[in-house]
Amino acid sequence: MCETYFDNQRKSKCNGCGTCKLLCPTQAITMQEDAEGFLYPVIDKSKCIKCDKCKRVCSNFNNKKEENEKAYVAINHSKQQLEKSSSGGMFYILAEYVIQNGGEVCGVTYNEKIEAVHEFADTLEKCRKFCGSKYVRSNLQDTYEQTKHFLKEDRYVLFTGTACQLNGLKSFLGKEYEKLILCDILCHGNPSPKVFKMYIKNLEKNKKDKVKAVHFRSKENGWRNQTPIIEYENGGKEEEGSYFDAFVGELMQRPSCYECPFASKRRISDFTIADFWGIEKVIPELKSTEGVSLLTVNSDKGYQIFDEIKRKMYYQEVDYKVAASYNHYHNEKAHLKRRKFFDRIEKEIINENNIIESMRKYSKKPLYRRVVGKIKRIIHKKWRG
């Protein structure tokens, strides 16, 4: 048996899926939030019967072997669906396939408290709330149990999320289901919900208004624009990038994200979708300002479904390794100041009054890296010119 969080209490060994809690025969496990805002299993020793089931069902392993996965550049033919999507609109096509077959779609939305949560939808209109990137660890709520219920009713289920969340579901179910379709989002890591909550409160205090929505990947300023748009209840909007910069700077991800076993070509899902960064280098003649998806098909089930839905998209097969080289198929190192950042949060030196200022301070690149980056951009620009 491979080493798990229960063996060594190393936080990098737990992705927080909660499968151990759900399958504990004596309900001895609860998921409790740590000082960084992430959930970890805690065992009530008075209830534990030492059966080790928690270790056996741990999902933080990737046992998938490389098969005949294929990568595609893909763009939804529906302009309306494309406009509502973060990139090339692949989620809508998969969701439509499941809804038309009488199934349920599980995705991530914001609740009334602007918290990222997994929920189900049974119409394409309701699936709109799942569109758009949510750069924060989502709460799975009871979606694993609901998925099992729908599958037992012999209904289709499309479950979307990060690879670790999908693998947690597979571990919870314990067997394969023909009508379960898994689609993971190529992930850059899961930031702390606690930091996100503090960020929202800091925005509201600065603006003296309630945050209505956070659009991390709005196409309002173009597909490639990476500056989030904050929408307020009284109608105001602003571009604000401190949280996003801290996210891409690896300042506040879950510890397991820096040692993620799923950040590889060995995808455990039927489909993987992402923005196709680097498309201008892979297919220079493809000019799209409305979003382009990288779609990988990872299983026999995925290929069967792809044959049924490909008429709804423009697609072109690309070299998998080349596509992966421009996207997030590898682990990143934690920011050098990550520990200091969270230590100051725990001591309440960083709080909801100054989290924005602190994220800007800690995620700022050192001067030498900024200079090197600028030189590289100048050289690259001259070389292309």
Protein backbone atom coordinates (compact mmCIF):
# COMPACT_ATOMS: atom_id res chain seq x y z
CA MET A 1 0.00 0.00 0.00
CA CYS A 2 1.38 3.43 -0.97
CA GLU A 3 1.98 6.09 1.64
CA THR A 4 -1.05 8.25 2.44
CA TYR A 5 -1.83 11.32 4.54
CA PHE A 6 -2.95 8.97 7.34
CA ASP A 7 0.52 7.43 7.45
CA ASN A 8 2.57 10.60 7.83
CA GLN A 9 0.24 13.63 8.16
CA ARG A 10 2.07 15.28 5.27
CA LYS A 11 -0.38 17.77 3.80
CA SER A 12 1.08 17.32 0.33
CA LYS A 13 -0.38 13.78 0.42
CA CYS A 14 -4.03 14.91 0.74
CA ASN A 15 -6.06 16.64 -1.97
CA GLY A 16 -9.12 17.13 0.26
CA CYS A 17 -11.63 15.09 -1.77
CA GLY A 18 -13.26 13.70 1.40
CA THR A 19 -13.71 10.16 0.07
CA CYS A 20 -12.22 8.72 3.27
CA LYS A 21 -14.88 10.52 5.33
CA LEU A 22 -17.72 9.29 3.13
CA LEU A 23 -16.60 5.65 3.18
CA CYS A 24 -15.54 5.34 6.82
CA PRO A 25 -17.71 2.49 8.22
CA THR A 26 -17.95 4.04 11.69
CA GLN A 27 -18.16 7.71 10.63
CA ALA A 28 -14.99 8.36 12.58
CA ILE A 29 -13.66 10.94 10.09
CA THR A 30 -14.57 14.60 9.75
CA MET A 31 -13.12 17.11 7.29
CA GLN A 32 -11.76 20.09 9.20
CA GLU A 33 -10.33 23.38 7.94
CA ASP A 34 -6.71 24.16 8.79
CA ALA A 35 -5.13 27.59 9.31
CA GLU A 36 -4.64 28.01 5.55
CA GLY A 37 -8.31 27.36 4.79
CA PHE A 38 -7.99 23.84 3.34
CA LEU A 39 -9.93 20.76 4.46
CA TYR A 40 -8.16 17.70 5.89
CA PRO A 41 -9.48 14.48 7.45
CA VAL A 42 -9.39 14.17 11.23
CA ILE A 43 -10.01 10.81 12.90
CA ASP A 44 -12.00 10.44 16.10
CA LYS A 45 -9.94 7.71 17.77
CA SER A 46 -12.84 6.70 20.00
CA LYS A 47 -14.80 5.65 16.88
CA CYS A 48 -11.90 4.27 14.82
CA ILE A 49 -11.81 0.47 14.47
CA LYS A 50 -8.43 0.50 12.68
CA CYS A 51 -9.81 -1.14 9.53
CA ASP A 52 -7.53 1.03 7.35
CA LYS A 53 -10.28 1.59 4.81
CA CYS A 54 -9.38 5.30 4.79
CA LYS A 55 -5.94 4.37 3.48
CA ARG A 56 -7.27 1.91 0.92
CA VAL A 57 -9.73 4.40 -0.63
CA CYS A 58 -7.35 7.38 -0.64
CA SER A 59 -7.59 8.90 -4.10
CA ASN A 60 -4.34 10.88 -4.19
CA PHE A 61 -2.70 8.40 -6.57
CA ASN A 62 -2.56 8.20 -10.34
CA ASN A 63 -2.44 4.61 -11.52
CA LYS A 64 -3.48 5.43 -15.08
CA LYS A 65 -1.17 4.18 -17.83
CA GLU A 66 -0.59 6.22 -20.96
CA GLU A 67 -2.89 4.94 -23.67
CA ASN A 68 -3.86 6.34 -27.06
CA GLU A 69 -4.85 9.80 -25.85
CA LYS A 70 -5.25 12.38 -28.59
CA ALA A 71 -5.14 16.16 -28.45
CA TYR A 72 -7.23 18.54 -30.53
CA VAL A 73 -7.60 22.23 -31.10
CA ALA A 74 -11.36 22.72 -30.79
CA ILE A 75 -13.84 25.59 -31.20
CA ASN A 76 -17.60 25.40 -30.67
CA HIS A 77 -19.57 26.15 -33.86
CA SER A 78 -22.25 27.93 -31.80
CA LYS A 79 -21.23 31.56 -31.51
CA GLN A 80 -23.73 32.07 -28.67
CA GLN A 81 -22.24 29.23 -26.61
CA LEU A 82 -18.71 30.36 -27.47
CA GLU A 83 -19.37 33.86 -26.13
CA LYS A 84 -20.50 32.47 -22.77
CA SER A 85 -17.45 30.23 -22.36
CA SER A 86 -13.97 30.97 -21.03
CA SER A 87 -12.24 29.50 -24.07
CA GLY A 88 -13.48 27.39 -26.99
CA GLY A 89 -16.86 26.27 -25.60
CA MET A 90 -16.21 22.53 -25.17
CA PHE A 91 -18.07 22.28 -21.86
CA TYR A 92 -21.33 23.34 -23.51
CA ILE A 93 -21.06 20.62 -26.16
CA LEU A 94 -20.47 17.89 -23.56
CA ALA A 95 -23.22 19.25 -21.32
CA GLU A 96 -25.67 19.37 -24.22
CA TYR A 97 -24.91 15.74 -25.07
CA VAL A 98 -25.74 14.63 -21.51
CA ILE A 99 -28.83 16.85 -21.11
CA GLN A 100 -30.27 15.60 -24.42
CA ASN A 101 -29.85 12.06 -23.12
CA GLY A 102 -31.85 12.87 -19.98
CA GLY A 103 -28.82 13.18 -17.74
CA GLU A 104 -27.42 15.50 -15.08
CA VAL A 105 -24.42 17.80 -15.25
CA CYS A 106 -22.23 18.59 -12.25
CA GLY A 107 -20.04 21.68 -12.28
CA VAL A 108 -18.77 24.58 -10.20
CA THR A 109 -20.72 27.76 -9.54
CA TYR A 110 -20.82 30.51 -6.92
CA ASN A 111 -23.43 30.43 -4.17
CA GLU A 112 -25.02 33.53 -2.64
CA LYS A 113 -21.92 34.05 -0.46
CA ILE A 114 -19.60 34.06 -3.53
CA GLU A 115 -18.23 30.66 -2.49
CA ALA A 116 -17.25 28.13 -5.15
CA VAL A 117 -19.42 25.02 -4.84
CA HIS A 118 -20.22 21.93 -6.92
CA GLU A 119 -23.88 21.62 -7.93
CA PHE A 120 -26.06 19.73 -10.43
CA ALA A 121 -28.10 21.03 -13.36
CA ASP A 122 -30.62 19.21 -15.55
CA THR A 123 -31.10 21.82 -18.29
CA LEU A 124 -28.63 23.54 -20.59
CA GLU A 125 -29.87 26.91 -19.35
CA LYS A 126 -29.03 25.95 -15.75
CA CYS A 127 -25.59 24.82 -16.93
CA ARG A 128 -24.73 28.43 -17.75
CA LYS A 129 -23.79 28.98 -14.10
CA PHE A 130 -20.93 26.48 -14.55
CA CYS A 131 -19.31 28.50 -17.33
CA GLY A 132 -16.34 30.68 -16.52
CA SER A 133 -13.23 29.87 -14.52
CA LYS A 134 -13.36 29.79 -10.71
CA TYR A 135 -9.81 30.00 -9.42
CA VAL A 136 -10.48 28.69 -5.93
CA ARG A 137 -10.87 25.25 -4.36
CA SER A 138 -14.55 24.32 -4.68
CA ASN A 139 -16.70 22.67 -2.02
CA LEU A 140 -17.92 19.31 -3.37
CA GLN A 141 -20.90 19.32 -0.98
CA ASP A 142 -22.86 16.06 -1.43
CA THR A 143 -22.27 15.69 -5.18
CA TYR A 144 -20.49 12.32 -4.87
CA GLU A 145 -23.55 10.80 -3.21
CA GLN A 146 -25.89 12.47 -5.73
CA THR A 147 -23.81 11.13 -8.61
CA LYS A 148 -24.12 7.60 -7.28
CA HIS A 149 -27.89 8.06 -6.90
CA PHE A 150 -28.31 9.24 -10.52
CA LEU A 151 -26.14 6.41 -11.86
CA LYS A 152 -28.18 3.83 -9.96
CA GLU A 153 -31.23 5.29 -11.70
CA ASP A 154 -29.42 4.48 -14.97
CA ARG A 155 -29.05 8.15 -15.91
CA TYR A 156 -26.14 9.86 -17.60
CA VAL A 157 -23.92 12.06 -15.44
CA LEU A 158 -21.29 14.51 -16.64
CA PHE A 159 -19.01 15.34 -13.71
CA THR A 160 -16.57 18.20 -14.22
CA GLY A 161 -13.85 19.43 -11.90
CA THR A 162 -10.16 19.08 -11.19
CA ALA A 163 -8.50 15.72 -11.77
CA CYS A 164 -8.12 15.06 -8.03
CA GLN A 165 -11.84 15.67 -7.49
CA LEU A 166 -12.69 13.28 -10.31
CA ASN A 167 -10.37 10.61 -8.96
CA GLY A 168 -11.99 11.04 -5.55
CA LEU A 169 -15.36 10.34 -7.17
CA LYS A 170 -14.00 7.22 -8.87
CA SER A 171 -12.66 5.97 -5.56
CA PHE A 172 -15.98 6.70 -3.85
CA LEU A 173 -17.99 4.82 -6.49
CA GLY A 174 -15.64 1.85 -6.43
CA LYS A 175 -16.53 0.64 -9.92
CA GLU A 176 -16.96 1.84 -13.50
CA TYR A 177 -20.29 3.14 -14.77
CA GLU A 178 -21.02 3.24 -18.49
CA LYS A 179 -23.09 6.42 -18.18
CA LEU A 180 -20.62 8.38 -16.07
CA ILE A 181 -18.64 10.88 -18.15
CA LEU A 182 -15.66 12.52 -16.49
CA CYS A 183 -14.23 15.80 -17.74
CA ASP A 184 -11.37 17.46 -15.90
CA ILE A 185 -10.24 21.03 -16.28
CA LEU A 186 -6.51 21.34 -16.87
CA CYS A 187 -5.60 22.74 -13.51
CA HIS A 188 -3.05 25.29 -12.30
CA GLY A 189 -3.71 24.39 -8.68
CA ASN A 190 -6.40 25.02 -6.07
CA PRO A 191 -6.08 28.32 -4.16
CA SER A 192 -7.26 28.71 -0.59
CA PRO A 193 -11.01 29.40 -0.08
CA LYS A 194 -10.03 31.32 3.06
CA VAL A 195 -7.82 33.71 1.08
CA PHE A 196 -10.56 34.13 -1.53
CA LYS A 197 -13.11 34.99 1.18
CA MET A 198 -10.73 37.55 2.69
CA TYR A 199 -10.16 39.00 -0.77
CA ILE A 200 -13.90 39.46 -1.35
CA LYS A 201 -14.28 41.22 2.02
CA ASN A 202 -11.32 43.50 1.27
CA LEU A 203 -12.87 44.45 -2.08
CA GLU A 204 -16.18 45.25 -0.41
CA LYS A 205 -14.55 47.39 2.26
CA ASN A 206 -12.54 49.33 -0.30
CA LYS A 207 -15.53 49.83 -2.58
CA LYS A 208 -18.17 50.14 0.17
CA ASP A 209 -20.37 47.88 -1.92
CA LYS A 210 -21.23 44.17 -2.07
CA VAL A 211 -19.49 41.97 -4.65
CA LYS A 212 -22.07 40.50 -7.00
CA ALA A 213 -19.78 38.38 -9.19
CA VAL A 214 -16.14 37.67 -9.94
CA HIS A 215 -15.32 37.06 -13.61
CA PHE A 216 -11.83 35.60 -13.69
CA ARG A 217 -11.95 34.96 -17.43
CA SER A 218 -14.34 37.46 -18.94
CA LYS A 219 -14.27 37.90 -22.72
CA GLU A 220 -15.43 41.48 -22.26
CA ASN A 221 -11.90 42.64 -23.06
CA GLY A 222 -10.98 39.72 -25.31
CA TRP A 223 -10.18 36.03 -24.80
CA ARG A 224 -6.51 36.63 -24.01
CA ASN A 225 -7.17 39.32 -21.42
CA GLN A 226 -6.20 37.81 -18.07
CA THR A 227 -7.36 40.63 -15.77
CA PRO A 228 -10.40 39.61 -13.71
CA ILE A 229 -13.49 41.83 -13.65
CA ILE A 230 -15.25 42.41 -10.34
CA GLU A 231 -18.96 43.22 -10.57
CA TYR A 232 -20.73 45.00 -7.69
CA GLU A 233 -24.39 44.98 -6.64
CA ASN A 234 -24.88 48.69 -7.31
CA GLY A 235 -23.79 48.25 -10.92
CA GLY A 236 -20.13 49.17 -10.69
CA LYS A 237 -17.31 47.18 -12.29
CA GLU A 238 -13.57 47.20 -11.94
CA GLU A 239 -10.56 45.29 -13.20
CA GLU A 240 -8.58 43.96 -10.24
CA GLY A 241 -5.77 41.41 -10.58
CA SER A 242 -4.10 40.99 -7.19
CA TYR A 243 -5.73 37.63 -6.39
CA PHE A 244 -5.14 36.29 -9.91
CA ASP A 245 -1.47 37.34 -9.83
CA ALA A 246 -1.01 35.58 -6.47
CA PHE A 247 -2.67 32.48 -7.94
CA VAL A 248 -0.46 32.23 -11.04
CA GLY A 249 2.51 33.14 -8.85
CA GLU A 250 1.98 29.91 -6.82
CA LEU A 251 1.51 31.83 -3.57
CA MET A 252 -1.64 30.23 -2.16
CA GLN A 253 -2.30 26.79 -3.66
CA ARG A 254 -3.07 23.69 -1.63
CA PRO A 255 0.18 21.89 -0.62
CA SER A 256 -0.80 18.79 -2.63
CA CYS A 257 -0.94 20.90 -5.80
CA TYR A 258 2.84 21.28 -5.80
CA GLU A 259 3.23 17.48 -5.84
CA CYS A 260 0.12 16.67 -7.88
CA PRO A 261 0.19 13.12 -9.32
CA PHE A 262 -2.33 14.13 -12.00
CA ALA A 263 -0.27 16.89 -13.63
CA SER A 264 0.84 14.67 -16.51
CA LYS A 265 -0.34 13.13 -19.76
CA ARG A 266 -1.86 10.26 -17.77
CA ARG A 267 -5.34 11.77 -17.52
CA ILE A 268 -7.82 9.80 -15.40
CA SER A 269 -10.86 11.35 -17.14
CA ASP A 270 -12.66 10.73 -20.42
CA PHE A 271 -11.99 14.30 -21.56
CA THR A 272 -9.67 17.10 -20.52
CA ILE A 273 -10.40 20.70 -21.54
CA ALA A 274 -8.31 23.84 -21.28
CA ASP A 275 -7.44 27.07 -23.02
CA PHE A 276 -5.11 26.35 -25.93
CA TRP A 277 -2.28 28.67 -25.00
CA GLY A 278 0.39 28.71 -27.69
CA ILE A 279 -2.12 28.10 -30.50
CA GLU A 280 -0.45 30.84 -32.57
CA LYS A 281 2.73 28.74 -32.59
CA VAL A 282 1.07 25.38 -33.20
CA ILE A 283 -1.38 26.50 -35.90
CA PRO A 284 -0.33 30.05 -36.97
CA GLU A 285 -3.02 30.27 -39.63
CA LEU A 286 -5.83 29.82 -37.09
CA LYS A 287 -6.93 33.34 -36.20
CA SER A 288 -9.45 33.33 -33.37
CA THR A 289 -10.09 36.11 -30.89
CA GLU A 290 -13.12 34.43 -29.30
CA GLY A 291 -11.38 31.53 -27.61
CA VAL A 292 -9.72 28.25 -28.53
CA SER A 293 -9.87 25.05 -26.51
CA LEU A 294 -7.33 22.32 -26.04
CA LEU A 295 -9.39 19.12 -25.92
CA THR A 296 -7.85 15.75 -25.14
CA VAL A 297 -9.74 12.49 -25.47
CA ASN A 298 -8.44 10.01 -22.91
CA SER A 299 -10.55 6.84 -23.01
CA ASP A 300 -12.49 4.50 -25.30
CA LYS A 301 -15.70 5.98 -23.88
CA GLY A 302 -14.39 9.43 -24.71
CA TYR A 303 -13.70 8.44 -28.33
CA GLN A 304 -17.20 7.05 -28.76
CA ILE A 305 -18.77 10.27 -27.48
CA PHE A 306 -16.34 12.43 -29.47
CA ASP A 307 -17.53 10.75 -32.69
CA GLU A 308 -21.09 11.78 -31.82
CA ILE A 309 -20.36 15.42 -30.90
CA LYS A 310 -17.49 16.43 -33.20
CA ARG A 311 -19.91 17.77 -35.82
CA LYS A 312 -20.68 20.60 -33.40
CA MET A 313 -17.14 21.92 -33.38
CA TYR A 314 -14.22 22.89 -35.52
CA TYR A 315 -11.44 20.49 -34.57
CA GLN A 316 -7.98 19.54 -35.71
CA GLU A 317 -5.68 16.95 -34.20
CA VAL A 318 -2.37 18.27 -32.91
CA ASP A 319 0.75 16.66 -31.51
CA TYR A 320 0.03 15.87 -27.86
CA LYS A 321 3.54 16.66 -26.63
CA VAL A 322 3.64 19.98 -28.47
CA ALA A 323 0.22 21.01 -27.09
CA ALA A 324 1.26 19.95 -23.58
CA SER A 325 4.46 22.00 -23.75
CA TYR A 326 2.44 25.24 -23.83
CA ASN A 327 -0.02 24.19 -21.13
CA HIS A 328 -0.08 23.02 -17.51
CA TYR A 329 0.92 19.35 -17.66
CA HIS A 330 3.56 19.59 -14.94
CA ASN A 331 3.95 20.62 -11.33
CA GLU A 332 5.08 24.08 -10.26
CA LYS A 333 7.18 24.98 -7.25
CA ALA A 334 5.57 26.88 -4.41
CA HIS A 335 6.35 30.58 -4.14
CA LEU A 336 9.38 31.18 -1.92
CA LYS A 337 7.28 33.34 0.40
CA ARG A 338 4.24 31.05 0.56
CA ARG A 339 4.91 29.89 4.13
CA LYS A 340 5.54 33.44 5.35
CA PHE A 341 2.33 34.61 3.64
CA PHE A 342 0.19 32.00 5.41
CA ASP A 343 2.02 32.42 8.73
CA ARG A 344 1.07 36.08 8.70
CA ILE A 345 -2.53 35.16 7.88
CA GLU A 346 -2.61 32.74 10.82
CA LYS A 347 -1.26 35.46 13.13
CA GLU A 348 -3.86 37.88 11.65
CA ILE A 349 -1.14 40.29 10.54
CA ILE A 350 -2.63 39.78 7.09
CA ASN A 351 -6.40 40.11 7.28
CA GLU A 352 -9.46 41.18 5.31
CA ASN A 353 -8.35 44.80 5.57
CA ASN A 354 -4.99 44.37 3.84
CA ILE A 355 -5.05 41.05 1.95
CA ILE A 356 -5.04 42.79 -1.45
CA GLU A 357 -2.02 44.89 -0.54
CA SER A 358 -0.28 41.79 0.87
CA MET A 359 -0.94 39.64 -2.21
CA ARG A 360 0.54 42.36 -4.40
CA LYS A 361 3.58 42.54 -2.16
CA TYR A 362 4.26 38.81 -1.90
CA SER A 363 3.45 37.82 -5.48
CA LYS A 364 5.60 40.51 -7.07
CA LYS A 365 8.49 38.96 -8.98
CA PRO A 366 12.03 39.80 -7.84
CA LEU A 367 13.68 42.58 -9.83
CA TYR A 368 16.17 40.26 -11.52
CA ARG A 369 13.34 38.02 -12.81
CA ARG A 370 11.43 41.02 -14.16
CA VAL A 371 14.56 42.27 -15.95
CA VAL A 372 15.32 38.82 -17.41
CA GLY A 373 11.69 38.46 -18.53
CA LYS A 374 11.75 41.85 -20.25
CA ILE A 375 14.99 41.02 -22.07
CA LYS A 376 13.53 37.71 -23.26
CA ARG A 377 10.41 39.47 -24.57
CA ILE A 378 12.52 42.02 -26.46
CA ILE A 379 14.70 39.29 -28.00
CA HIS A 380 11.63 37.22 -28.91
CA LYS A 381 9.93 40.24 -30.49
CA LYS A 382 13.01 41.05 -32.62
CA TRP A 383 13.42 37.41 -33.61
CA ARG A 384 9.80 37.22 -34.80
CA GLY A 385 10.07 40.58 -36.55
